[in-house]
């Protein structure tokens, strides 16, 4: 199936089924692997996992109410890194359940956890690290700003795993390094 058509279907479905500020929800997409998703051997192309992650991210942000809170305040989410681990190949014609949930957030960064199930078995897991940005020339919001705009009094998450926090700090260090060099 064409990715643009999939995107439009996900957006339409998420728009109709939005919840009210529920950051602890898990979004779930049922996807069928089509010919364009697979290589000549009939196995899903690695890049398609990232496309599915984008669809899962959009679905989660819309259904959870996070995207609405961001847009009301002129903020946007951006993905700064993704990773996947594969346990079994997914083949053309196979139906998969792609779930996405917010693993946690810190500072300006958030981490979404993705899981792909085929025939009830986990075949792949992944993470998308994102951050929130404001309009040019404005302060970028951190998760506290977003939580306040969503009416949350506390972050309903367990502490982030150390490897995710390390990733956050590496991304932030790489992001600010050019600014530090320029100010010298």
N, C-alpha and C. Protein backbone atom coordinates (compact mmCIF):
# COMPACT_ATOMS: atom_id res chain seq x y z
N UNK A 1 0.85 -1.18 0.00
CA UNK A 1 0.00 0.00 0.00
C UNK A 1 0.89 1.23 0.00
N UNK A 2 0.48 2.22 -0.70
CA UNK A 2 1.19 3.48 -0.78
C UNK A 2 1.31 4.09 0.62
N UNK A 3 2.51 4.59 0.97
CA UNK A 3 2.73 5.17 2.30
C UNK A 3 1.88 6.40 2.55
N UNK A 4 1.64 7.20 1.52
CA UNK A 4 0.82 8.39 1.69
C UNK A 4 -0.61 7.98 2.04
N UNK A 5 -1.13 6.97 1.36
CA UNK A 5 -2.47 6.48 1.67
C UNK A 5 -2.53 5.93 3.09
N UNK A 6 -1.52 5.17 3.50
CA UNK A 6 -1.47 4.67 4.88
C UNK A 6 -1.47 5.83 5.87
N UNK A 7 -0.67 6.84 5.58
CA UNK A 7 -0.59 8.01 6.47
C UNK A 7 -1.96 8.67 6.60
N UNK A 8 -2.63 8.88 5.48
CA UNK A 8 -3.95 9.52 5.52
C UNK A 8 -4.96 8.68 6.30
N UNK A 9 -4.91 7.36 6.14
CA UNK A 9 -5.80 6.48 6.90
C UNK A 9 -5.52 6.54 8.39
N UNK A 10 -4.24 6.56 8.76
CA UNK A 10 -3.87 6.64 10.18
C UNK A 10 -4.33 7.97 10.77
N UNK A 11 -4.10 9.06 10.05
CA UNK A 11 -4.51 10.38 10.54
C UNK A 11 -6.03 10.44 10.70
N UNK A 12 -6.77 9.96 9.72
CA UNK A 12 -8.23 9.97 9.80
C UNK A 12 -8.73 9.14 10.97
N UNK A 13 -8.17 7.97 11.15
CA UNK A 13 -8.58 7.10 12.25
C UNK A 13 -8.23 7.71 13.60
N UNK A 14 -7.01 8.25 13.73
CA UNK A 14 -6.59 8.86 14.99
C UNK A 14 -7.41 10.09 15.31
N UNK A 15 -7.74 10.87 14.29
CA UNK A 15 -8.55 12.08 14.49
C UNK A 15 -9.92 11.72 15.03
N UNK A 16 -10.51 10.65 14.51
CA UNK A 16 -11.84 10.21 14.96
C UNK A 16 -11.81 9.60 16.35
N UNK A 17 -10.67 9.05 16.75
CA UNK A 17 -10.59 8.29 18.00
C UNK A 17 -9.62 8.90 19.01
N UNK A 18 -9.56 10.22 19.07
CA UNK A 18 -8.67 10.88 20.02
C UNK A 18 -9.18 10.70 21.44
N UNK A 19 -8.25 10.50 22.37
CA UNK A 19 -8.63 10.48 23.77
C UNK A 19 -8.28 11.84 24.36
N UNK A 20 -8.67 12.07 25.57
CA UNK A 20 -8.40 13.34 26.21
C UNK A 20 -7.15 13.22 27.07
N UNK A 21 -6.05 13.79 26.60
CA UNK A 21 -4.80 13.87 27.35
C UNK A 21 -4.50 12.59 28.14
N UNK A 22 -4.24 11.52 27.42
CA UNK A 22 -3.92 10.25 28.04
C UNK A 22 -2.53 9.80 27.58
N UNK A 23 -1.50 10.31 28.22
CA UNK A 23 -0.14 10.01 27.80
C UNK A 23 0.31 8.59 28.15
N UNK A 24 -0.48 7.89 28.96
CA UNK A 24 -0.11 6.53 29.32
C UNK A 24 -0.74 5.48 28.42
N UNK A 25 -1.47 5.90 27.41
CA UNK A 25 -2.14 4.96 26.51
C UNK A 25 -1.13 4.26 25.60
N UNK A 26 -1.56 3.18 24.99
CA UNK A 26 -0.78 2.51 23.95
C UNK A 26 -1.59 2.55 22.68
N UNK A 27 -1.00 3.07 21.62
CA UNK A 27 -1.71 3.06 20.34
C UNK A 27 -1.35 1.78 19.60
N UNK A 28 -2.26 1.31 18.80
CA UNK A 28 -2.06 0.06 18.08
C UNK A 28 -2.57 0.20 16.65
N UNK A 29 -1.71 -0.20 15.71
CA UNK A 29 -2.08 -0.19 14.30
C UNK A 29 -1.99 -1.61 13.77
N UNK A 30 -3.00 -2.02 13.03
CA UNK A 30 -2.93 -3.30 12.33
C UNK A 30 -2.49 -3.00 10.91
N UNK A 31 -1.36 -3.57 10.52
CA UNK A 31 -0.81 -3.32 9.19
C UNK A 31 -0.60 -4.64 8.47
N UNK A 32 -0.81 -4.61 7.16
CA UNK A 32 -0.52 -5.78 6.34
C UNK A 32 0.67 -5.44 5.45
N UNK A 33 1.65 -6.32 5.43
CA UNK A 33 2.86 -6.09 4.64
C UNK A 33 2.50 -6.31 3.17
N UNK A 34 2.65 -5.24 2.41
CA UNK A 34 2.33 -5.28 0.98
C UNK A 34 3.60 -5.45 0.16
N UNK A 35 3.44 -5.62 -1.13
CA UNK A 35 4.57 -5.83 -2.03
C UNK A 35 5.61 -4.73 -1.97
N UNK A 36 5.16 -3.47 -1.85
CA UNK A 36 6.08 -2.35 -1.79
C UNK A 36 6.86 -2.28 -0.48
N UNK A 37 6.40 -3.00 0.53
CA UNK A 37 7.08 -3.02 1.82
C UNK A 37 8.22 -4.04 1.85
N UNK A 38 8.17 -5.00 0.91
CA UNK A 38 9.10 -6.13 0.95
C UNK A 38 10.15 -6.04 -0.16
N UNK A 39 11.28 -6.71 0.07
CA UNK A 39 12.31 -6.78 -0.96
C UNK A 39 11.97 -7.92 -1.93
N UNK A 40 12.89 -8.24 -2.84
CA UNK A 40 12.60 -9.27 -3.85
C UNK A 40 12.46 -10.66 -3.24
N UNK A 41 12.96 -10.85 -2.03
CA UNK A 41 12.80 -12.14 -1.33
C UNK A 41 11.50 -12.21 -0.54
N UNK A 42 10.71 -11.13 -0.58
CA UNK A 42 9.44 -11.12 0.13
C UNK A 42 9.55 -10.77 1.60
N UNK A 43 10.72 -10.30 2.04
CA UNK A 43 10.93 -9.93 3.44
C UNK A 43 10.88 -8.41 3.55
N UNK A 44 10.26 -7.93 4.63
CA UNK A 44 10.09 -6.49 4.80
C UNK A 44 11.44 -5.78 4.75
N UNK A 45 11.48 -4.66 4.06
CA UNK A 45 12.68 -3.85 3.96
C UNK A 45 12.94 -3.14 5.29
N UNK A 46 14.22 -3.03 5.65
CA UNK A 46 14.57 -2.43 6.94
C UNK A 46 14.01 -1.01 7.07
N UNK A 47 14.07 -0.24 6.01
CA UNK A 47 13.58 1.14 6.06
C UNK A 47 12.08 1.20 6.38
N UNK A 48 11.35 0.15 6.04
CA UNK A 48 9.90 0.15 6.28
C UNK A 48 9.58 0.11 7.78
N UNK A 49 10.46 -0.47 8.59
CA UNK A 49 10.26 -0.44 10.04
C UNK A 49 10.19 1.01 10.52
N UNK A 50 11.07 1.85 9.95
CA UNK A 50 11.10 3.26 10.33
C UNK A 50 9.85 3.98 9.83
N UNK A 51 9.35 3.60 8.67
CA UNK A 51 8.10 4.17 8.17
C UNK A 51 6.94 3.79 9.07
N UNK A 52 6.91 2.52 9.49
CA UNK A 52 5.87 2.07 10.42
C UNK A 52 5.98 2.83 11.73
N UNK A 53 7.23 3.09 12.19
CA UNK A 53 7.43 3.84 13.43
C UNK A 53 6.88 5.26 13.30
N UNK A 54 7.07 5.87 12.13
CA UNK A 54 6.51 7.21 11.90
C UNK A 54 4.99 7.18 11.99
N UNK A 55 4.37 6.17 11.39
CA UNK A 55 2.91 6.04 11.46
C UNK A 55 2.46 5.84 12.91
N UNK A 56 3.18 4.98 13.64
CA UNK A 56 2.85 4.73 15.05
C UNK A 56 3.01 5.98 15.89
N UNK A 57 4.04 6.76 15.61
CA UNK A 57 4.28 8.01 16.33
C UNK A 57 3.16 9.00 16.09
N UNK A 58 2.77 9.17 14.84
CA UNK A 58 1.68 10.09 14.52
C UNK A 58 0.39 9.64 15.18
N UNK A 59 0.10 8.35 15.10
CA UNK A 59 -1.11 7.80 15.72
C UNK A 59 -1.10 8.05 17.22
N UNK A 60 0.03 7.75 17.88
CA UNK A 60 0.12 7.94 19.32
C UNK A 60 -0.04 9.42 19.71
N UNK A 61 0.70 10.30 19.03
CA UNK A 61 0.65 11.72 19.38
C UNK A 61 -0.75 12.29 19.22
N UNK A 62 -1.45 11.86 18.17
CA UNK A 62 -2.81 12.36 17.96
C UNK A 62 -3.78 11.79 18.97
N UNK A 63 -3.76 10.46 19.16
CA UNK A 63 -4.72 9.82 20.05
C UNK A 63 -4.53 10.20 21.51
N UNK A 64 -3.28 10.43 21.91
CA UNK A 64 -2.99 10.74 23.31
C UNK A 64 -3.33 12.18 23.68
N UNK A 65 -3.48 13.04 22.70
CA UNK A 65 -3.75 14.44 22.97
C UNK A 65 -2.49 15.29 23.03
N UNK A 66 -1.31 14.67 22.94
CA UNK A 66 -0.06 15.42 23.00
C UNK A 66 0.05 16.37 21.81
N UNK A 67 -0.26 15.90 20.62
CA UNK A 67 -0.13 16.74 19.44
C UNK A 67 -1.04 17.97 19.53
N UNK A 68 -2.25 17.79 20.03
CA UNK A 68 -3.17 18.93 20.16
C UNK A 68 -2.60 19.97 21.13
N UNK A 69 -2.02 19.52 22.24
CA UNK A 69 -1.42 20.45 23.21
C UNK A 69 -0.23 21.18 22.59
N UNK A 70 0.58 20.46 21.83
CA UNK A 70 1.72 21.09 21.17
C UNK A 70 1.26 22.14 20.17
N UNK A 71 0.32 21.78 19.31
CA UNK A 71 -0.14 22.68 18.25
C UNK A 71 -0.82 23.93 18.83
N UNK A 72 -1.58 23.77 19.92
CA UNK A 72 -2.24 24.93 20.54
C UNK A 72 -1.22 25.99 20.98
N UNK A 73 -0.01 25.54 21.26
CA UNK A 73 1.01 26.44 21.77
C UNK A 73 2.10 26.77 20.75
N UNK A 74 1.89 26.37 19.51
CA UNK A 74 2.85 26.68 18.46
C UNK A 74 4.12 25.83 18.53
N UNK A 75 4.04 24.68 19.18
CA UNK A 75 5.18 23.79 19.32
C UNK A 75 5.04 22.62 18.35
N UNK A 76 6.15 21.96 18.08
CA UNK A 76 6.13 20.80 17.19
C UNK A 76 7.02 19.70 17.76
N UNK A 77 6.66 18.45 17.49
CA UNK A 77 7.55 17.35 17.85
C UNK A 77 8.45 17.03 16.66
N UNK A 78 9.69 16.68 16.93
CA UNK A 78 10.57 16.20 15.87
C UNK A 78 11.26 14.93 16.36
N UNK A 79 11.50 14.02 15.46
CA UNK A 79 12.22 12.78 15.80
C UNK A 79 13.70 13.03 15.53
N UNK A 80 14.54 12.71 16.51
CA UNK A 80 15.98 12.93 16.36
C UNK A 80 16.76 11.63 16.27
N UNK A 81 16.11 10.51 16.53
CA UNK A 81 16.79 9.23 16.41
C UNK A 81 15.83 8.06 16.55
N UNK A 82 16.13 6.99 15.82
CA UNK A 82 15.31 5.76 15.88
C UNK A 82 16.23 4.57 15.87
N UNK A 83 15.78 3.51 16.50
CA UNK A 83 16.53 2.24 16.43
C UNK A 83 15.53 1.09 16.51
N UNK A 84 15.90 -0.02 15.89
CA UNK A 84 15.07 -1.23 15.93
C UNK A 84 15.95 -2.45 16.12
N UNK A 85 15.42 -3.43 16.81
CA UNK A 85 16.03 -4.74 16.93
C UNK A 85 15.04 -5.73 16.35
N UNK A 86 15.53 -6.65 15.53
CA UNK A 86 14.66 -7.61 14.86
C UNK A 86 14.95 -9.02 15.37
N UNK A 87 13.90 -9.77 15.64
CA UNK A 87 14.05 -11.13 16.14
C UNK A 87 13.66 -12.17 15.10
N UNK A 88 12.70 -11.82 14.25
CA UNK A 88 12.23 -12.70 13.18
C UNK A 88 11.87 -11.85 11.99
N UNK A 89 12.06 -12.36 10.78
CA UNK A 89 11.68 -11.57 9.61
C UNK A 89 10.16 -11.48 9.46
N UNK A 90 9.73 -10.39 8.88
CA UNK A 90 8.32 -10.20 8.56
C UNK A 90 8.23 -10.31 7.04
N UNK A 91 7.26 -11.08 6.57
CA UNK A 91 7.18 -11.35 5.14
C UNK A 91 5.94 -10.73 4.49
N UNK A 92 6.03 -10.60 3.17
CA UNK A 92 4.94 -10.06 2.37
C UNK A 92 3.66 -10.86 2.65
N UNK A 93 2.56 -10.12 2.81
CA UNK A 93 1.27 -10.74 3.07
C UNK A 93 0.97 -10.94 4.55
N UNK A 94 1.98 -10.83 5.40
CA UNK A 94 1.80 -11.05 6.83
C UNK A 94 1.12 -9.84 7.46
N UNK A 95 0.24 -10.09 8.41
CA UNK A 95 -0.40 -9.02 9.17
C UNK A 95 0.38 -8.84 10.46
N UNK A 96 0.61 -7.56 10.82
CA UNK A 96 1.34 -7.27 12.05
C UNK A 96 0.55 -6.26 12.88
N UNK A 97 0.74 -6.35 14.17
CA UNK A 97 0.23 -5.33 15.10
C UNK A 97 1.40 -4.48 15.51
N UNK A 98 1.30 -3.19 15.27
CA UNK A 98 2.38 -2.26 15.59
C UNK A 98 1.88 -1.39 16.74
N UNK A 99 2.49 -1.53 17.93
CA UNK A 99 2.07 -0.74 19.08
C UNK A 99 3.12 0.31 19.42
N UNK A 100 2.64 1.42 19.94
CA UNK A 100 3.51 2.52 20.34
C UNK A 100 3.02 3.06 21.67
N UNK A 101 3.97 3.31 22.57
CA UNK A 101 3.63 3.94 23.85
C UNK A 101 4.77 4.86 24.25
N UNK A 102 4.45 5.82 25.09
CA UNK A 102 5.46 6.73 25.59
C UNK A 102 6.21 6.04 26.72
N UNK A 103 7.50 5.87 26.53
CA UNK A 103 8.32 5.22 27.55
C UNK A 103 8.64 6.21 28.67
N UNK A 104 8.83 7.47 28.28
CA UNK A 104 9.12 8.50 29.27
C UNK A 104 9.67 9.73 28.59
N UNK A 105 9.94 10.75 29.40
CA UNK A 105 10.47 11.97 28.86
C UNK A 105 11.31 12.67 29.90
N UNK A 106 12.25 13.48 29.41
CA UNK A 106 13.13 14.24 30.28
C UNK A 106 13.64 15.45 29.51
N UNK A 107 13.63 16.61 30.17
CA UNK A 107 14.09 17.83 29.50
C UNK A 107 13.23 18.11 28.27
N UNK A 108 13.88 18.26 27.13
CA UNK A 108 13.15 18.49 25.89
C UNK A 108 12.93 17.20 25.11
N UNK A 109 13.35 16.07 25.66
CA UNK A 109 13.33 14.82 24.92
C UNK A 109 12.28 13.85 25.45
N UNK A 110 11.76 13.05 24.51
CA UNK A 110 10.83 11.99 24.87
C UNK A 110 11.25 10.72 24.14
N UNK A 111 10.82 9.60 24.66
CA UNK A 111 11.16 8.33 24.03
C UNK A 111 9.89 7.49 23.86
N UNK A 112 9.63 7.10 22.63
CA UNK A 112 8.51 6.21 22.33
C UNK A 112 9.06 4.80 22.15
N UNK A 113 8.32 3.84 22.67
CA UNK A 113 8.68 2.43 22.55
C UNK A 113 7.75 1.81 21.52
N UNK A 114 8.31 1.12 20.54
CA UNK A 114 7.52 0.47 19.50
C UNK A 114 7.70 -1.04 19.61
N UNK A 115 6.64 -1.75 19.34
CA UNK A 115 6.70 -3.22 19.35
C UNK A 115 5.89 -3.74 18.17
N UNK A 116 6.47 -4.68 17.45
CA UNK A 116 5.77 -5.29 16.32
C UNK A 116 5.51 -6.76 16.67
N UNK A 117 4.24 -7.13 16.58
CA UNK A 117 3.83 -8.51 16.82
C UNK A 117 3.29 -9.11 15.54
N UNK A 118 3.70 -10.33 15.26
CA UNK A 118 3.17 -11.09 14.13
C UNK A 118 2.72 -12.43 14.69
N UNK A 119 1.49 -12.79 14.42
CA UNK A 119 0.91 -14.03 14.95
C UNK A 119 1.05 -14.10 16.47
N UNK A 120 0.91 -12.95 17.15
CA UNK A 120 0.96 -12.90 18.60
C UNK A 120 2.36 -12.95 19.20
N UNK A 121 3.38 -12.98 18.37
CA UNK A 121 4.76 -13.08 18.84
C UNK A 121 5.51 -11.79 18.53
N UNK A 122 6.32 -11.32 19.49
CA UNK A 122 7.13 -10.12 19.27
C UNK A 122 8.21 -10.45 18.25
N UNK A 123 8.22 -9.71 17.13
CA UNK A 123 9.22 -9.94 16.09
C UNK A 123 10.21 -8.78 15.98
N UNK A 124 9.86 -7.63 16.56
CA UNK A 124 10.76 -6.49 16.51
C UNK A 124 10.37 -5.49 17.58
N UNK A 125 11.38 -4.82 18.15
CA UNK A 125 11.12 -3.72 19.08
C UNK A 125 11.98 -2.54 18.66
N UNK A 126 11.53 -1.36 18.99
CA UNK A 126 12.30 -0.18 18.62
C UNK A 126 11.99 1.01 19.51
N UNK A 127 12.78 2.05 19.33
CA UNK A 127 12.62 3.29 20.08
C UNK A 127 12.74 4.47 19.12
N UNK A 128 11.94 5.47 19.36
CA UNK A 128 12.07 6.75 18.65
C UNK A 128 12.30 7.81 19.72
N UNK A 129 13.39 8.53 19.59
CA UNK A 129 13.69 9.63 20.50
C UNK A 129 13.31 10.91 19.78
N UNK A 130 12.53 11.73 20.45
CA UNK A 130 12.09 12.98 19.85
C UNK A 130 12.28 14.13 20.81
N UNK A 131 12.07 15.31 20.29
CA UNK A 131 12.14 16.49 21.15
C UNK A 131 11.08 17.47 20.70
N UNK A 132 10.78 18.43 21.55
CA UNK A 132 9.78 19.43 21.25
C UNK A 132 10.50 20.73 20.89
N UNK A 133 10.00 21.42 19.87
CA UNK A 133 10.60 22.69 19.47
C UNK A 133 9.52 23.75 19.33
N UNK A 134 9.93 24.99 19.57
CA UNK A 134 9.04 26.13 19.39
C UNK A 134 9.35 26.82 18.08
N UNK A 135 8.63 27.86 17.81
CA UNK A 135 8.88 28.64 16.60
C UNK A 135 10.26 29.28 16.68
N UNK A 136 10.82 29.58 15.53
CA UNK A 136 12.15 30.20 15.48
C UNK A 136 12.18 31.44 16.37
N UNK A 137 13.23 31.52 17.16
CA UNK A 137 13.40 32.68 18.03
C UNK A 137 12.69 32.58 19.37
N UNK A 138 11.97 31.47 19.60
CA UNK A 138 11.29 31.30 20.88
C UNK A 138 11.95 30.17 21.66
N UNK A 139 11.66 30.13 22.94
CA UNK A 139 12.19 29.08 23.81
C UNK A 139 11.54 27.74 23.41
N UNK A 140 12.38 26.71 23.31
CA UNK A 140 11.83 25.39 23.04
C UNK A 140 11.24 24.84 24.33
N UNK A 141 10.07 24.25 24.26
CA UNK A 141 9.43 23.74 25.48
C UNK A 141 10.12 22.48 25.97
N UNK A 142 10.12 22.31 27.28
CA UNK A 142 10.55 21.02 27.82
C UNK A 142 9.29 20.25 28.21
N UNK A 143 9.47 19.05 28.69
CA UNK A 143 8.30 18.21 28.97
C UNK A 143 7.43 18.79 30.07
N UNK A 144 8.04 19.55 30.99
CA UNK A 144 7.24 20.19 32.04
C UNK A 144 6.26 21.19 31.43
N UNK A 145 6.72 21.95 30.44
CA UNK A 145 5.83 22.90 29.76
C UNK A 145 4.67 22.18 29.09
N UNK A 146 4.99 21.08 28.40
CA UNK A 146 3.96 20.31 27.69
C UNK A 146 2.99 19.68 28.69
N UNK A 147 3.53 19.12 29.78
CA UNK A 147 2.67 18.50 30.80
C UNK A 147 1.71 19.52 31.39
N UNK A 148 2.20 20.73 31.68
CA UNK A 148 1.33 21.77 32.23
C UNK A 148 0.21 22.11 31.25
N UNK A 149 0.56 22.24 29.97
CA UNK A 149 -0.45 22.57 28.95
C UNK A 149 -1.46 21.44 28.77
N UNK A 150 -1.05 20.22 29.14
CA UNK A 150 -1.97 19.08 29.05
C UNK A 150 -2.77 18.90 30.34
N UNK A 151 -2.46 19.69 31.36
CA UNK A 151 -3.17 19.57 32.63
C UNK A 151 -2.66 18.44 33.52
N UNK A 152 -1.45 17.96 33.25
CA UNK A 152 -0.87 16.89 34.07
C UNK A 152 -0.13 17.50 35.26
N UNK A 153 -0.35 16.92 36.43
CA UNK A 153 0.35 17.42 37.61
C UNK A 153 1.65 16.68 37.85
N UNK A 154 1.75 15.47 37.35
CA UNK A 154 2.95 14.66 37.55
C UNK A 154 3.21 13.86 36.29
N UNK A 155 4.43 13.40 36.16
CA UNK A 155 4.79 12.55 35.03
C UNK A 155 4.48 11.11 35.42
N UNK A 156 3.54 10.47 34.76
CA UNK A 156 3.12 9.12 35.18
C UNK A 156 4.03 8.01 34.64
N UNK A 157 5.34 8.17 34.79
CA UNK A 157 6.26 7.20 34.23
C UNK A 157 7.27 6.75 35.27
N UNK A 158 7.75 5.53 35.07
CA UNK A 158 8.85 5.04 35.89
C UNK A 158 10.12 5.71 35.38
N UNK A 159 11.22 5.65 36.15
CA UNK A 159 12.47 6.25 35.67
C UNK A 159 12.87 5.63 34.32
N UNK A 160 13.46 6.46 33.48
CA UNK A 160 13.90 6.01 32.16
C UNK A 160 15.06 5.04 32.30
N UNK A 161 15.13 4.04 31.44
CA UNK A 161 16.29 3.15 31.44
C UNK A 161 17.58 3.94 31.15
N UNK A 162 18.66 3.51 31.75
CA UNK A 162 19.93 4.23 31.62
C UNK A 162 20.37 4.41 30.16
N UNK A 163 20.16 3.37 29.32
CA UNK A 163 20.60 3.51 27.92
C UNK A 163 19.82 4.60 27.18
N UNK A 164 18.56 4.82 27.56
CA UNK A 164 17.77 5.87 26.94
C UNK A 164 18.25 7.24 27.42
N UNK A 165 18.50 7.36 28.73
CA UNK A 165 19.03 8.62 29.27
C UNK A 165 20.37 8.95 28.65
N UNK A 166 21.22 7.95 28.46
CA UNK A 166 22.52 8.17 27.82
C UNK A 166 22.31 8.70 26.40
N UNK A 167 21.35 8.13 25.68
CA UNK A 167 21.04 8.59 24.32
C UNK A 167 20.58 10.05 24.35
N UNK A 168 19.69 10.40 25.30
CA UNK A 168 19.23 11.78 25.43
C UNK A 168 20.42 12.72 25.60
N UNK A 169 21.31 12.37 26.52
CA UNK A 169 22.44 13.23 26.83
C UNK A 169 23.42 13.33 25.65
N UNK A 170 23.62 12.24 24.92
CA UNK A 170 24.50 12.27 23.74
C UNK A 170 23.91 13.18 22.65
N UNK A 171 22.60 13.07 22.43
CA UNK A 171 21.94 13.90 21.42
C UNK A 171 22.04 15.37 21.81
N UNK A 172 21.77 15.67 23.07
CA UNK A 172 21.82 17.06 23.53
C UNK A 172 23.24 17.62 23.44
N UNK A 173 24.23 16.82 23.80
CA UNK A 173 25.63 17.27 23.72
C UNK A 173 26.00 17.57 22.27
N UNK A 174 25.61 16.70 21.35
CA UNK A 174 25.91 16.91 19.93
C UNK A 174 25.17 18.13 19.39
N UNK A 175 23.98 18.39 19.90
CA UNK A 175 23.18 19.52 19.43
C UNK A 175 23.78 20.84 19.88
N UNK A 176 24.25 20.93 21.11
CA UNK A 176 24.74 22.21 21.63
C UNK A 176 26.23 22.44 21.36
N UNK A 177 26.98 21.41 20.98
CA UNK A 177 28.42 21.56 20.74
C UNK A 177 28.74 22.65 19.73
N UNK A 178 28.05 22.72 18.56
CA UNK A 178 28.36 23.80 17.61
C UNK A 178 28.09 25.20 18.19
N UNK A 179 27.06 25.31 19.03
CA UNK A 179 26.74 26.60 19.64
C UNK A 179 27.83 27.02 20.61
N UNK A 180 28.35 26.06 21.36
CA UNK A 180 29.43 26.34 22.31
C UNK A 180 30.69 26.76 21.56
N UNK A 181 31.01 26.05 20.48
CA UNK A 181 32.19 26.38 19.67
C UNK A 181 32.06 27.78 19.06
N UNK A 182 30.87 28.10 18.60
CA UNK A 182 30.65 29.40 17.96
C UNK A 182 30.78 30.56 18.95
N UNK A 183 30.46 30.30 20.22
CA UNK A 183 30.52 31.36 21.22
C UNK A 183 31.93 31.60 21.77
N UNK A 184 32.87 30.74 21.41
CA UNK A 184 34.25 30.89 21.91
C UNK A 184 34.99 31.97 21.17
